[in-house]
Amino acid sequence: MNFTLPTTIAKAFRNVLLLAITCTVFACQETVETDDTPQTETETPVSEEESTETRPAPTFFIVPPDLADKRVWICENTSSDIFHVQHDCPLLVQCKGNYRNVTIPRAIETYGRYNCQVCSKDLDHIFDEDMVR
């Protein structure tokens, strides 16, 4: 007696079942959003005590090539105009808005941020027009 037909059906069924399990596993994975895409969120009203006068966006800056890929933290609220190198900077911890991790050029160009004088004072040279390069 030849058992090739039931064996072939069993192998085909096993392959279909493995494919279904694999598809299910990959479909259940969480998607990770990158920080480079703008997100729309509802704005919360900011009281007058929390809002401070922000500086205009920097008009002059030079980011050295070795710092172009360095990521920094910013607080997305209307009263912050600085970026932070350390995620546990005391000024960043006080943030009442959302945090975002972006590259230094994006923090300056897109968000108009300056460096924090607490955690990133060594990056003052980025905004120094008189520095010899």
Protein backbone atom coordinates (compact mmCIF):
# COMPACT_ATOMS: atom_id res chain seq x y z
CA MET A 1 0.00 0.00 0.00
CA ASN A 2 1.36 3.43 -1.00
CA PHE A 3 1.12 6.17 1.70
CA THR A 4 2.45 9.09 -0.34
CA LEU A 5 -0.87 10.94 -0.66
CA PRO A 6 -1.59 11.15 3.11
CA THR A 7 2.07 12.03 3.79
CA THR A 8 2.01 14.79 1.15
CA ILE A 9 -1.24 16.19 2.59
CA ALA A 10 0.23 16.11 6.11
CA LYS A 11 3.38 17.95 4.97
CA ALA A 12 1.32 20.55 3.10
CA PHE A 13 -0.91 21.06 6.14
CA ARG A 14 2.18 21.42 8.38
CA ASN A 15 3.69 24.03 6.03
CA VAL A 16 0.45 26.02 5.90
CA LEU A 17 0.20 25.88 9.69
CA LEU A 18 3.80 27.09 10.11
CA LEU A 19 3.17 29.92 7.65
CA ALA A 20 0.03 30.96 9.54
CA ILE A 21 1.88 30.94 12.88
CA THR A 22 4.75 32.97 11.43
CA CYS A 23 2.37 35.55 9.93
CA THR A 24 0.53 35.82 13.25
CA VAL A 25 3.75 36.39 15.19
CA PHE A 26 4.92 39.15 12.85
CA ALA A 27 1.48 40.77 12.75
CA CYS A 28 1.36 41.02 16.55
CA GLN A 29 4.63 42.96 16.85
CA GLU A 30 4.42 46.54 18.13
CA THR A 31 5.37 49.25 15.70
CA VAL A 32 7.95 51.76 16.85
CA GLU A 33 7.51 55.37 15.77
CA THR A 34 10.60 57.38 14.97
CA ASP A 35 11.04 60.76 16.56
CA ASP A 36 11.68 62.47 13.25
CA THR A 37 8.02 62.49 12.22
CA PRO A 38 5.91 65.36 13.53
CA GLN A 39 3.03 64.28 15.71
CA THR A 40 -0.16 66.19 16.26
CA GLU A 41 -1.36 66.35 19.79
CA THR A 42 -3.92 68.35 21.65
CA GLU A 43 -2.45 71.38 23.30
CA THR A 44 -3.00 71.93 26.97
CA PRO A 45 -3.54 75.48 28.11
CA VAL A 46 -0.41 76.97 29.65
CA SER A 47 -0.82 79.26 32.62
CA GLU A 48 0.92 82.62 32.69
CA GLU A 49 3.26 81.43 35.45
CA GLU A 50 4.59 78.55 33.32
CA SER A 51 5.10 80.53 30.11
CA THR A 52 8.31 82.46 29.73
CA GLU A 53 9.54 84.65 26.94
CA THR A 54 11.32 82.44 24.41
CA ARG A 55 14.18 83.67 22.29
CA PRO A 56 13.83 83.79 18.52
CA ALA A 57 15.24 80.83 16.60
CA PRO A 58 19.02 80.93 16.10
CA THR A 59 20.05 82.69 12.92
CA PHE A 60 23.67 81.52 12.97
CA PHE A 61 24.96 78.08 13.89
CA ILE A 62 27.60 75.66 12.65
CA VAL A 63 27.31 72.03 13.69
CA PRO A 64 30.64 70.22 13.33
CA PRO A 65 30.51 66.96 11.34
CA ASP A 66 31.33 64.88 14.43
CA LEU A 67 28.23 66.26 16.19
CA ALA A 68 25.84 66.07 13.25
CA ASP A 69 24.47 62.67 14.32
CA LYS A 70 24.48 63.38 18.07
CA ARG A 71 21.00 63.10 19.56
CA VAL A 72 19.65 65.52 22.13
CA TRP A 73 16.47 65.86 24.16
CA ILE A 74 13.93 68.65 23.80
CA CYS A 75 10.76 69.45 25.68
CA GLU A 76 7.86 70.14 23.37
CA ASN A 77 6.07 73.01 25.03
CA THR A 78 5.67 76.67 24.26
CA SER A 79 7.99 77.93 26.99
CA SER A 80 11.15 75.92 26.23
CA ASP A 81 13.78 77.03 23.75
CA ILE A 82 16.72 74.80 24.71
CA PHE A 83 17.95 71.28 23.99
CA HIS A 84 19.58 68.93 26.49
CA VAL A 85 22.41 66.42 26.12
CA GLN A 86 21.44 64.51 29.27
CA HIS A 87 18.02 62.92 29.64
CA ASP A 88 18.12 63.54 33.39
CA CYS A 89 19.04 67.23 33.23
CA PRO A 90 17.28 69.10 36.08
CA LEU A 91 15.73 71.57 33.62
CA LEU A 92 14.44 68.79 31.35
CA VAL A 93 12.96 66.86 34.27
CA GLN A 94 10.79 69.91 35.06
CA CYS A 95 9.25 69.72 31.57
CA LYS A 96 5.46 69.71 31.59
CA GLY A 97 5.19 68.83 27.89
CA ASN A 98 6.30 65.86 25.81
CA TYR A 99 9.90 64.79 25.36
CA ARG A 100 11.49 64.28 21.97
CA ASN A 101 14.88 62.85 21.05
CA VAL A 102 16.23 64.46 17.86
CA THR A 103 19.58 65.24 16.26
CA ILE A 104 21.30 68.54 17.03
CA PRO A 105 20.77 70.02 13.52
CA ARG A 106 17.05 69.18 13.67
CA ALA A 107 16.72 70.64 17.18
CA ILE A 108 18.18 73.90 15.94
CA GLU A 109 16.64 74.13 12.45
CA THR A 110 13.17 72.71 13.03
CA TYR A 111 12.55 73.53 16.68
CA GLY A 112 14.70 76.70 17.01
CA ARG A 113 16.54 75.50 20.13
CA TYR A 114 19.69 76.67 21.87
CA ASN A 115 21.95 74.54 24.07
CA CYS A 116 21.19 74.10 27.78
CA GLN A 117 23.64 75.93 30.05
CA VAL A 118 23.37 73.19 32.69
CA CYS A 119 24.04 69.98 30.74
CA SER A 120 25.45 71.14 27.39
CA LYS A 121 27.45 74.28 28.09
CA ASP A 122 30.33 72.76 26.10
CA LEU A 123 28.25 73.17 22.91
CA ASP A 124 28.30 76.99 23.06
CA HIS A 125 30.74 77.00 20.13
CA ILE A 126 27.91 75.97 17.77
CA PHE A 127 26.35 79.44 18.05
CA ASP A 128 29.60 81.46 18.33
CA GLU A 129 30.00 83.62 15.22
CA ASP A 130 33.43 84.93 16.25
CA MET A 131 35.04 81.55 16.82
CA VAL A 132 37.90 80.66 14.48
CA ARG A 133 37.08 77.36 12.78
